[in-house]
């Protein structure tokens, strides 16, 4: 994202894949991770 288009305010913050996976697991979801080579 170009600097001039940076998100501001209290919108959804970006996160890494590992952060998203950890949040979903903490919420009680059984998180499946796709095998990208097989896909």
ModelCIF file with pLDDT and N, C-alpha, C, O atoms, coordinates in Angstrom:
data_MODEL
#
_entry.id   MODEL 
#
_entity.id                         1 
_entity.type                       polymer 
_entity.pdbx_number_of_molecules   1 
#
_entity_poly.entity_id                      1 
_entity_poly.type                           'polypeptide(L)' 
_entity_poly.nstd_linkage                   no 
_entity_poly.nstd_monomer                   no 
_entity_poly.pdbx_seq_one_letter_code       
;(UNK)(UNK)(UNK)(UNK)(UNK)(UNK)(UNK)(UNK)(UNK)(UNK)(UNK)(UNK)(UNK)(UNK)(UNK)(UNK)
(UNK)(UNK)(UNK)(UNK)(UNK)(UNK)(UNK)(UNK)(UNK)(UNK)(UNK)(UNK)(UNK)(UNK)(UNK)(UNK)
(UNK)(UNK)(UNK)(UNK)(UNK)(UNK)(UNK)
;
_entity_poly.pdbx_seq_one_letter_code_can   XXXXXXXXXXXXXXXXXXXXXXXXXXXXXXXXXXXXXXX 
_entity_poly.pdbx_strand_id                 A 
#
loop_
_entity_poly_seq.entity_id 
_entity_poly_seq.num 
_entity_poly_seq.mon_id 
_entity_poly_seq.hetero 
1 1  UNK n 
1 2  UNK n 
1 3  UNK n 
1 4  UNK n 
1 5  UNK n 
1 6  UNK n 
1 7  UNK n 
1 8  UNK n 
1 9  UNK n 
1 10 UNK n 
1 11 UNK n 
1 12 UNK n 
1 13 UNK n 
1 14 UNK n 
1 15 UNK n 
1 16 UNK n 
1 17 UNK n 
1 18 UNK n 
1 19 UNK n 
1 20 UNK n 
1 21 UNK n 
1 22 UNK n 
1 23 UNK n 
1 24 UNK n 
1 25 UNK n 
1 26 UNK n 
1 27 UNK n 
1 28 UNK n 
1 29 UNK n 
1 30 UNK n 
1 31 UNK n 
1 32 UNK n 
1 33 UNK n 
1 34 UNK n 
1 35 UNK n 
1 36 UNK n 
1 37 UNK n 
1 38 UNK n 
1 39 UNK n 
#
_struct_asym.id          A 
_struct_asym.entity_id   1 
#
loop_
_ma_qa_metric.id 
_ma_qa_metric.mode 
_ma_qa_metric.name 
_ma_qa_metric.software_group_id 
_ma_qa_metric.type 
1 global pLDDT . pLDDT 
2 local  pLDDT . pLDDT 
#
_ma_qa_metric_global.metric_id      1 
_ma_qa_metric_global.metric_value   83.54 
_ma_qa_metric_global.model_id       1 
_ma_qa_metric_global.ordinal_id     1 
#
loop_
_ma_qa_metric_local.label_asym_id 
_ma_qa_metric_local.label_comp_id 
_ma_qa_metric_local.label_seq_id 
_ma_qa_metric_local.metric_id 
_ma_qa_metric_local.metric_value 
_ma_qa_metric_local.model_id 
_ma_qa_metric_local.ordinal_id 
A UNK 1  2 81.00 1 1  
A UNK 2  2 87.00 1 2  
A UNK 3  2 84.00 1 3  
A UNK 4  2 86.00 1 4  
A UNK 5  2 82.00 1 5  
A UNK 6  2 76.00 1 6  
A UNK 7  2 73.00 1 7  
A UNK 8  2 74.00 1 8  
A UNK 9  2 66.00 1 9  
A UNK 10 2 59.00 1 10 
A UNK 11 2 55.00 1 11 
A UNK 12 2 55.00 1 12 
A UNK 13 2 59.00 1 13 
A UNK 14 2 69.00 1 14 
A UNK 15 2 77.00 1 15 
A UNK 16 2 82.00 1 16 
A UNK 17 2 87.00 1 17 
A UNK 18 2 90.00 1 18 
A UNK 19 2 87.00 1 19 
A UNK 20 2 86.00 1 20 
A UNK 21 2 91.00 1 21 
A UNK 22 2 93.00 1 22 
A UNK 23 2 90.00 1 23 
A UNK 24 2 90.00 1 24 
A UNK 25 2 93.00 1 25 
A UNK 26 2 94.00 1 26 
A UNK 27 2 92.00 1 27 
A UNK 28 2 92.00 1 28 
A UNK 29 2 89.00 1 29 
A UNK 30 2 90.00 1 30 
A UNK 31 2 91.00 1 31 
A UNK 32 2 91.00 1 32 
A UNK 33 2 93.00 1 33 
A UNK 34 2 91.00 1 34 
A UNK 35 2 92.00 1 35 
A UNK 36 2 92.00 1 36 
A UNK 37 2 94.00 1 37 
A UNK 38 2 93.00 1 38 
A UNK 39 2 92.00 1 39 
#
loop_
_atom_site.group_PDB 
_atom_site.id 
_atom_site.type_symbol 
_atom_site.label_atom_id 
_atom_site.label_alt_id 
_atom_site.label_comp_id 
_atom_site.label_asym_id 
_atom_site.label_entity_id 
_atom_site.label_seq_id 
_atom_site.pdbx_PDB_ins_code 
_atom_site.Cartn_x 
_atom_site.Cartn_y 
_atom_site.Cartn_z 
_atom_site.occupancy 
_atom_site.B_iso_or_equiv 
_atom_site.pdbx_formal_charge 
_atom_site.auth_seq_id 
_atom_site.auth_comp_id 
_atom_site.auth_asym_id 
_atom_site.auth_atom_id 
_atom_site.pdbx_PDB_model_num 
ATOM 1   N N  . UNK A 1 1  ? 0.844   -1.196  0.000  1.00 81.00 ? 1  UNK A N  1 
ATOM 2   C CA . UNK A 1 1  ? 0.000   0.000   0.000  1.00 81.00 ? 1  UNK A CA 1 
ATOM 3   C C  . UNK A 1 1  ? 0.883   1.251   0.000  1.00 81.00 ? 1  UNK A C  1 
ATOM 4   O O  . UNK A 1 1  ? 1.773   1.376   0.841  1.00 81.00 ? 1  UNK A O  1 
ATOM 5   N N  . UNK A 1 2  ? 0.646   2.175   -0.932 1.00 87.00 ? 2  UNK A N  1 
ATOM 6   C CA . UNK A 1 2  ? 1.412   3.420   -0.926 1.00 87.00 ? 2  UNK A CA 1 
ATOM 7   C C  . UNK A 1 2  ? 1.184   4.187   0.382  1.00 87.00 ? 2  UNK A C  1 
ATOM 8   O O  . UNK A 1 2  ? 0.097   4.143   0.958  1.00 87.00 ? 2  UNK A O  1 
ATOM 9   N N  . UNK A 1 3  ? 2.210   4.877   0.834  1.00 84.00 ? 3  UNK A N  1 
ATOM 10  C CA . UNK A 1 3  ? 2.147   5.607   2.099  1.00 84.00 ? 3  UNK A CA 1 
ATOM 11  C C  . UNK A 1 3  ? 0.959   6.562   2.120  1.00 84.00 ? 3  UNK A C  1 
ATOM 12  O O  . UNK A 1 3  ? 0.285   6.691   3.142  1.00 84.00 ? 3  UNK A O  1 
ATOM 13  N N  . UNK A 1 4  ? 0.701   7.226   1.005  1.00 86.00 ? 4  UNK A N  1 
ATOM 14  C CA . UNK A 1 4  ? -0.404  8.202   0.971  1.00 86.00 ? 4  UNK A CA 1 
ATOM 15  C C  . UNK A 1 4  ? -1.777  7.540   1.088  1.00 86.00 ? 4  UNK A C  1 
ATOM 16  O O  . UNK A 1 4  ? -2.777  8.225   1.305  1.00 86.00 ? 4  UNK A O  1 
ATOM 17  N N  . UNK A 1 5  ? -1.832  6.227   0.947  1.00 82.00 ? 5  UNK A N  1 
ATOM 18  C CA . UNK A 1 5  ? -3.096  5.512   1.086  1.00 82.00 ? 5  UNK A CA 1 
ATOM 19  C C  . UNK A 1 5  ? -3.138  4.656   2.357  1.00 82.00 ? 5  UNK A C  1 
ATOM 20  O O  . UNK A 1 5  ? -3.969  3.756   2.481  1.00 82.00 ? 5  UNK A O  1 
ATOM 21  N N  . UNK A 1 6  ? -2.243  4.941   3.288  1.00 76.00 ? 6  UNK A N  1 
ATOM 22  C CA . UNK A 1 6  ? -2.180  4.166   4.529  1.00 76.00 ? 6  UNK A CA 1 
ATOM 23  C C  . UNK A 1 6  ? -3.505  4.257   5.271  1.00 76.00 ? 6  UNK A C  1 
ATOM 24  O O  . UNK A 1 6  ? -4.155  5.303   5.294  1.00 76.00 ? 6  UNK A O  1 
ATOM 25  N N  . UNK A 1 7  ? -3.887  3.148   5.871  1.00 73.00 ? 7  UNK A N  1 
ATOM 26  C CA . UNK A 1 7  ? -5.123  3.129   6.663  1.00 73.00 ? 7  UNK A CA 1 
ATOM 27  C C  . UNK A 1 7  ? -4.936  3.948   7.919  1.00 73.00 ? 7  UNK A C  1 
ATOM 28  O O  . UNK A 1 7  ? -3.882  3.924   8.555  1.00 73.00 ? 7  UNK A O  1 
ATOM 29  N N  . UNK A 1 8  ? -5.978  4.667   8.258  1.00 74.00 ? 8  UNK A N  1 
ATOM 30  C CA . UNK A 1 8  ? -5.969  5.447   9.493  1.00 74.00 ? 8  UNK A CA 1 
ATOM 31  C C  . UNK A 1 8  ? -7.246  5.143   10.244 1.00 74.00 ? 8  UNK A C  1 
ATOM 32  O O  . UNK A 1 8  ? -8.195  4.605   9.673  1.00 74.00 ? 8  UNK A O  1 
ATOM 33  N N  . UNK A 1 9  ? -7.277  5.480   11.502 1.00 66.00 ? 9  UNK A N  1 
ATOM 34  C CA . UNK A 1 9  ? -8.489  5.265   12.281 1.00 66.00 ? 9  UNK A CA 1 
ATOM 35  C C  . UNK A 1 9  ? -8.494  3.912   12.949 1.00 66.00 ? 9  UNK A C  1 
ATOM 36  O O  . UNK A 1 9  ? -7.464  3.246   13.052 1.00 66.00 ? 9  UNK A O  1 
ATOM 37  N N  . UNK A 1 10 ? -9.660  3.517   13.399 1.00 59.00 ? 10 UNK A N  1 
ATOM 38  C CA . UNK A 1 10 ? -9.779  2.300   14.200 1.00 59.00 ? 10 UNK A CA 1 
ATOM 39  C C  . UNK A 1 10 ? -10.328 1.127   13.397 1.00 59.00 ? 10 UNK A C  1 
ATOM 40  O O  . UNK A 1 10 ? -10.968 0.237   13.957 1.00 59.00 ? 10 UNK A O  1 
ATOM 41  N N  . UNK A 1 11 ? -10.085 1.120   12.092 1.00 55.00 ? 11 UNK A N  1 
ATOM 42  C CA . UNK A 1 11 ? -10.561 0.018   11.258 1.00 55.00 ? 11 UNK A CA 1 
ATOM 43  C C  . UNK A 1 11 ? -9.834  -1.269  11.571 1.00 55.00 ? 11 UNK A C  1 
ATOM 44  O O  . UNK A 1 11 ? -9.002  -1.323  12.478 1.00 55.00 ? 11 UNK A O  1 
ATOM 45  N N  . UNK A 1 12 ? -10.145 -2.280  10.833 1.00 55.00 ? 12 UNK A N  1 
ATOM 46  C CA . UNK A 1 12 ? -9.525  -3.592  11.029 1.00 55.00 ? 12 UNK A CA 1 
ATOM 47  C C  . UNK A 1 12 ? -8.021  -3.488  10.841 1.00 55.00 ? 12 UNK A C  1 
ATOM 48  O O  . UNK A 1 12 ? -7.539  -3.089  9.781  1.00 55.00 ? 12 UNK A O  1 
ATOM 49  N N  . UNK A 1 13 ? -7.316  -3.840  11.843 1.00 59.00 ? 13 UNK A N  1 
ATOM 50  C CA . UNK A 1 13 ? -5.853  -3.801  11.772 1.00 59.00 ? 13 UNK A CA 1 
ATOM 51  C C  . UNK A 1 13 ? -5.340  -5.000  10.993 1.00 59.00 ? 13 UNK A C  1 
ATOM 52  O O  . UNK A 1 13 ? -5.935  -6.077  11.024 1.00 59.00 ? 13 UNK A O  1 
ATOM 53  N N  . UNK A 1 14 ? -4.235  -4.802  10.299 1.00 69.00 ? 14 UNK A N  1 
ATOM 54  C CA . UNK A 1 14 ? -3.622  -5.908  9.586  1.00 69.00 ? 14 UNK A CA 1 
ATOM 55  C C  . UNK A 1 14 ? -2.989  -6.879  10.562 1.00 69.00 ? 14 UNK A C  1 
ATOM 56  O O  . UNK A 1 14 ? -2.646  -6.517  11.687 1.00 69.00 ? 14 UNK A O  1 
ATOM 57  N N  . UNK A 1 15 ? -2.842  -8.101  10.123 1.00 77.00 ? 15 UNK A N  1 
ATOM 58  C CA . UNK A 1 15 ? -2.192  -9.110  10.960 1.00 77.00 ? 15 UNK A CA 1 
ATOM 59  C C  . UNK A 1 15 ? -1.524  -10.127 10.066 1.00 77.00 ? 15 UNK A C  1 
ATOM 60  O O  . UNK A 1 15 ? -1.855  -10.250 8.886  1.00 77.00 ? 15 UNK A O  1 
ATOM 61  N N  . UNK A 1 16 ? -0.607  -10.836 10.619 1.00 82.00 ? 16 UNK A N  1 
ATOM 62  C CA . UNK A 1 16 ? 0.069   -11.879 9.862  1.00 82.00 ? 16 UNK A CA 1 
ATOM 63  C C  . UNK A 1 16 ? -0.808  -13.128 9.830  1.00 82.00 ? 16 UNK A C  1 
ATOM 64  O O  . UNK A 1 16 ? -1.798  -13.233 10.555 1.00 82.00 ? 16 UNK A O  1 
ATOM 65  N N  . UNK A 1 17 ? -0.426  -14.059 8.981  1.00 87.00 ? 17 UNK A N  1 
ATOM 66  C CA . UNK A 1 17 ? -1.133  -15.331 8.915  1.00 87.00 ? 17 UNK A CA 1 
ATOM 67  C C  . UNK A 1 17 ? -1.102  -16.020 10.282 1.00 87.00 ? 17 UNK A C  1 
ATOM 68  O O  . UNK A 1 17 ? -2.126  -16.503 10.764 1.00 87.00 ? 17 UNK A O  1 
ATOM 69  N N  . UNK A 1 18 ? 0.082   -16.059 10.899 1.00 90.00 ? 18 UNK A N  1 
ATOM 70  C CA . UNK A 1 18 ? 0.214   -16.725 12.200 1.00 90.00 ? 18 UNK A CA 1 
ATOM 71  C C  . UNK A 1 18 ? -0.639  -16.059 13.275 1.00 90.00 ? 18 UNK A C  1 
ATOM 72  O O  . UNK A 1 18 ? -1.189  -16.741 14.140 1.00 90.00 ? 18 UNK A O  1 
ATOM 73  N N  . UNK A 1 19 ? -0.752  -14.729 13.225 1.00 87.00 ? 19 UNK A N  1 
ATOM 74  C CA . UNK A 1 19 ? -1.597  -14.026 14.196 1.00 87.00 ? 19 UNK A CA 1 
ATOM 75  C C  . UNK A 1 19 ? -3.070  -14.371 13.982 1.00 87.00 ? 19 UNK A C  1 
ATOM 76  O O  . UNK A 1 19 ? -3.801  -14.606 14.945 1.00 87.00 ? 19 UNK A O  1 
ATOM 77  N N  . UNK A 1 20 ? -3.499  -14.402 12.736 1.00 86.00 ? 20 UNK A N  1 
ATOM 78  C CA . UNK A 1 20 ? -4.889  -14.768 12.447 1.00 86.00 ? 20 UNK A CA 1 
ATOM 79  C C  . UNK A 1 20 ? -5.175  -16.188 12.909 1.00 86.00 ? 20 UNK A C  1 
ATOM 80  O O  . UNK A 1 20 ? -6.190  -16.441 13.558 1.00 86.00 ? 20 UNK A O  1 
ATOM 81  N N  . UNK A 1 21 ? -4.286  -17.110 12.577 1.00 91.00 ? 21 UNK A N  1 
ATOM 82  C CA . UNK A 1 21 ? -4.464  -18.508 12.978 1.00 91.00 ? 21 UNK A CA 1 
ATOM 83  C C  . UNK A 1 21 ? -4.536  -18.627 14.493 1.00 91.00 ? 21 UNK A C  1 
ATOM 84  O O  . UNK A 1 21 ? -5.389  -19.345 15.016 1.00 91.00 ? 21 UNK A O  1 
ATOM 85  N N  . UNK A 1 22 ? -3.656  -17.938 15.202 1.00 93.00 ? 22 UNK A N  1 
ATOM 86  C CA . UNK A 1 22 ? -3.656  -17.991 16.667 1.00 93.00 ? 22 UNK A CA 1 
ATOM 87  C C  . UNK A 1 22 ? -4.949  -17.413 17.240 1.00 93.00 ? 22 UNK A C  1 
ATOM 88  O O  . UNK A 1 22 ? -5.495  -17.954 18.201 1.00 93.00 ? 22 UNK A O  1 
ATOM 89  N N  . UNK A 1 23 ? -5.439  -16.322 16.661 1.00 90.00 ? 23 UNK A N  1 
ATOM 90  C CA . UNK A 1 23 ? -6.695  -15.733 17.145 1.00 90.00 ? 23 UNK A CA 1 
ATOM 91  C C  . UNK A 1 23 ? -7.873  -16.676 16.931 1.00 90.00 ? 23 UNK A C  1 
ATOM 92  O O  . UNK A 1 23 ? -8.736  -16.813 17.799 1.00 90.00 ? 23 UNK A O  1 
ATOM 93  N N  . UNK A 1 24 ? -7.902  -17.323 15.771 1.00 90.00 ? 24 UNK A N  1 
ATOM 94  C CA . UNK A 1 24 ? -8.995  -18.256 15.498 1.00 90.00 ? 24 UNK A CA 1 
ATOM 95  C C  . UNK A 1 24 ? -8.944  -19.446 16.440 1.00 90.00 ? 24 UNK A C  1 
ATOM 96  O O  . UNK A 1 24 ? -9.980  -19.892 16.934 1.00 90.00 ? 24 UNK A O  1 
ATOM 97  N N  . UNK A 1 25 ? -7.749  -19.965 16.693 1.00 93.00 ? 25 UNK A N  1 
ATOM 98  C CA . UNK A 1 25 ? -7.606  -21.088 17.620 1.00 93.00 ? 25 UNK A CA 1 
ATOM 99  C C  . UNK A 1 25 ? -7.992  -20.666 19.030 1.00 93.00 ? 25 UNK A C  1 
ATOM 100 O O  . UNK A 1 25 ? -8.637  -21.431 19.748 1.00 93.00 ? 25 UNK A O  1 
ATOM 101 N N  . UNK A 1 26 ? -7.607  -19.463 19.437 1.00 94.00 ? 26 UNK A N  1 
ATOM 102 C CA . UNK A 1 26 ? -7.967  -18.959 20.772 1.00 94.00 ? 26 UNK A CA 1 
ATOM 103 C C  . UNK A 1 26 ? -9.473  -18.796 20.917 1.00 94.00 ? 26 UNK A C  1 
ATOM 104 O O  . UNK A 1 26 ? -10.011 -18.878 22.021 1.00 94.00 ? 26 UNK A O  1 
ATOM 105 N N  . UNK A 1 27 ? -10.151 -18.563 19.792 1.00 92.00 ? 27 UNK A N  1 
ATOM 106 C CA . UNK A 1 27 ? -11.612 -18.429 19.810 1.00 92.00 ? 27 UNK A CA 1 
ATOM 107 C C  . UNK A 1 27 ? -12.302 -19.786 19.754 1.00 92.00 ? 27 UNK A C  1 
ATOM 108 O O  . UNK A 1 27 ? -13.531 -19.857 19.739 1.00 92.00 ? 27 UNK A O  1 
ATOM 109 N N  . UNK A 1 28 ? -11.516 -20.869 19.722 1.00 92.00 ? 28 UNK A N  1 
ATOM 110 C CA . UNK A 1 28 ? -12.101 -22.205 19.760 1.00 92.00 ? 28 UNK A CA 1 
ATOM 111 C C  . UNK A 1 28 ? -12.323 -22.849 18.412 1.00 92.00 ? 28 UNK A C  1 
ATOM 112 O O  . UNK A 1 28 ? -12.962 -23.899 18.337 1.00 92.00 ? 28 UNK A O  1 
ATOM 113 N N  . UNK A 1 29 ? -11.818 -22.258 17.344 1.00 89.00 ? 29 UNK A N  1 
ATOM 114 C CA . UNK A 1 29 ? -11.994 -22.836 16.009 1.00 89.00 ? 29 UNK A CA 1 
ATOM 115 C C  . UNK A 1 29 ? -10.912 -23.868 15.727 1.00 89.00 ? 29 UNK A C  1 
ATOM 116 O O  . UNK A 1 29 ? -9.752  -23.684 16.096 1.00 89.00 ? 29 UNK A O  1 
ATOM 117 N N  . UNK A 1 30 ? -11.299 -24.945 15.076 1.00 90.00 ? 30 UNK A N  1 
ATOM 118 C CA . UNK A 1 30 ? -10.345 -25.940 14.604 1.00 90.00 ? 30 UNK A CA 1 
ATOM 119 C C  . UNK A 1 30 ? -9.812  -25.424 13.277 1.00 90.00 ? 30 UNK A C  1 
ATOM 120 O O  . UNK A 1 30 ? -10.490 -25.527 12.254 1.00 90.00 ? 30 UNK A O  1 
ATOM 121 N N  . UNK A 1 31 ? -8.629  -24.881 13.283 1.00 91.00 ? 31 UNK A N  1 
ATOM 122 C CA . UNK A 1 31 ? -8.083  -24.220 12.108 1.00 91.00 ? 31 UNK A CA 1 
ATOM 123 C C  . UNK A 1 31 ? -7.344  -25.223 11.223 1.00 91.00 ? 31 UNK A C  1 
ATOM 124 O O  . UNK A 1 31 ? -6.375  -25.859 11.640 1.00 91.00 ? 31 UNK A O  1 
ATOM 125 N N  . UNK A 1 32 ? -7.826  -25.340 10.008 1.00 91.00 ? 32 UNK A N  1 
ATOM 126 C CA . UNK A 1 32 ? -7.163  -26.175 9.016  1.00 91.00 ? 32 UNK A CA 1 
ATOM 127 C C  . UNK A 1 32 ? -6.312  -25.273 8.134  1.00 91.00 ? 32 UNK A C  1 
ATOM 128 O O  . UNK A 1 32 ? -6.756  -24.198 7.730  1.00 91.00 ? 32 UNK A O  1 
ATOM 129 N N  . UNK A 1 33 ? -5.108  -25.701 7.838  1.00 93.00 ? 33 UNK A N  1 
ATOM 130 C CA . UNK A 1 33 ? -4.227  -24.942 6.963  1.00 93.00 ? 33 UNK A CA 1 
ATOM 131 C C  . UNK A 1 33 ? -4.092  -25.710 5.657  1.00 93.00 ? 33 UNK A C  1 
ATOM 132 O O  . UNK A 1 33 ? -3.749  -26.892 5.660  1.00 93.00 ? 33 UNK A O  1 
ATOM 133 N N  . UNK A 1 34 ? -4.357  -25.049 4.556  1.00 91.00 ? 34 UNK A N  1 
ATOM 134 C CA . UNK A 1 34 ? -4.298  -25.686 3.250  1.00 91.00 ? 34 UNK A CA 1 
ATOM 135 C C  . UNK A 1 34 ? -2.858  -26.007 2.877  1.00 91.00 ? 34 UNK A C  1 
ATOM 136 O O  . UNK A 1 34 ? -1.939  -25.240 3.164  1.00 91.00 ? 34 UNK A O  1 
ATOM 137 N N  . UNK A 1 35 ? -2.684  -27.134 2.245  1.00 92.00 ? 35 UNK A N  1 
ATOM 138 C CA . UNK A 1 35 ? -1.398  -27.514 1.680  1.00 92.00 ? 35 UNK A CA 1 
ATOM 139 C C  . UNK A 1 35 ? -1.335  -26.852 0.300  1.00 92.00 ? 35 UNK A C  1 
ATOM 140 O O  . UNK A 1 35 ? -1.991  -27.306 -0.637 1.00 92.00 ? 35 UNK A O  1 
ATOM 141 N N  . UNK A 1 36 ? -0.553  -25.790 0.179  1.00 92.00 ? 36 UNK A N  1 
ATOM 142 C CA . UNK A 1 36 ? -0.538  -25.004 -1.051 1.00 92.00 ? 36 UNK A CA 1 
ATOM 143 C C  . UNK A 1 36 ? -0.010  -25.791 -2.246 1.00 92.00 ? 36 UNK A C  1 
ATOM 144 O O  . UNK A 1 36 ? -0.473  -25.582 -3.367 1.00 92.00 ? 36 UNK A O  1 
ATOM 145 N N  . UNK A 1 37 ? 0.942   -26.684 -2.033 1.00 94.00 ? 37 UNK A N  1 
ATOM 146 C CA . UNK A 1 37 ? 1.446   -27.492 -3.146 1.00 94.00 ? 37 UNK A CA 1 
ATOM 147 C C  . UNK A 1 37 ? 0.361   -28.433 -3.664 1.00 94.00 ? 37 UNK A C  1 
ATOM 148 O O  . UNK A 1 37 ? 0.183   -28.574 -4.874 1.00 94.00 ? 37 UNK A O  1 
ATOM 149 N N  . UNK A 1 38 ? -0.361  -29.073 -2.750 1.00 93.00 ? 38 UNK A N  1 
ATOM 150 C CA . UNK A 1 38 ? -1.443  -29.978 -3.152 1.00 93.00 ? 38 UNK A CA 1 
ATOM 151 C C  . UNK A 1 38 ? -2.552  -29.186 -3.835 1.00 93.00 ? 38 UNK A C  1 
ATOM 152 O O  . UNK A 1 38 ? -3.116  -29.641 -4.830 1.00 93.00 ? 38 UNK A O  1 
ATOM 153 N N  . UNK A 1 39 ? -2.868  -28.003 -3.307 1.00 92.00 ? 39 UNK A N  1 
ATOM 154 C CA . UNK A 1 39 ? -3.909  -27.173 -3.902 1.00 92.00 ? 39 UNK A CA 1 
ATOM 155 C C  . UNK A 1 39 ? -3.498  -26.730 -5.306 1.00 92.00 ? 39 UNK A C  1 
ATOM 156 O O  . UNK A 1 39 ? -4.249  -26.020 -5.974 1.00 92.00 ? 39 UNK A O  1 
#
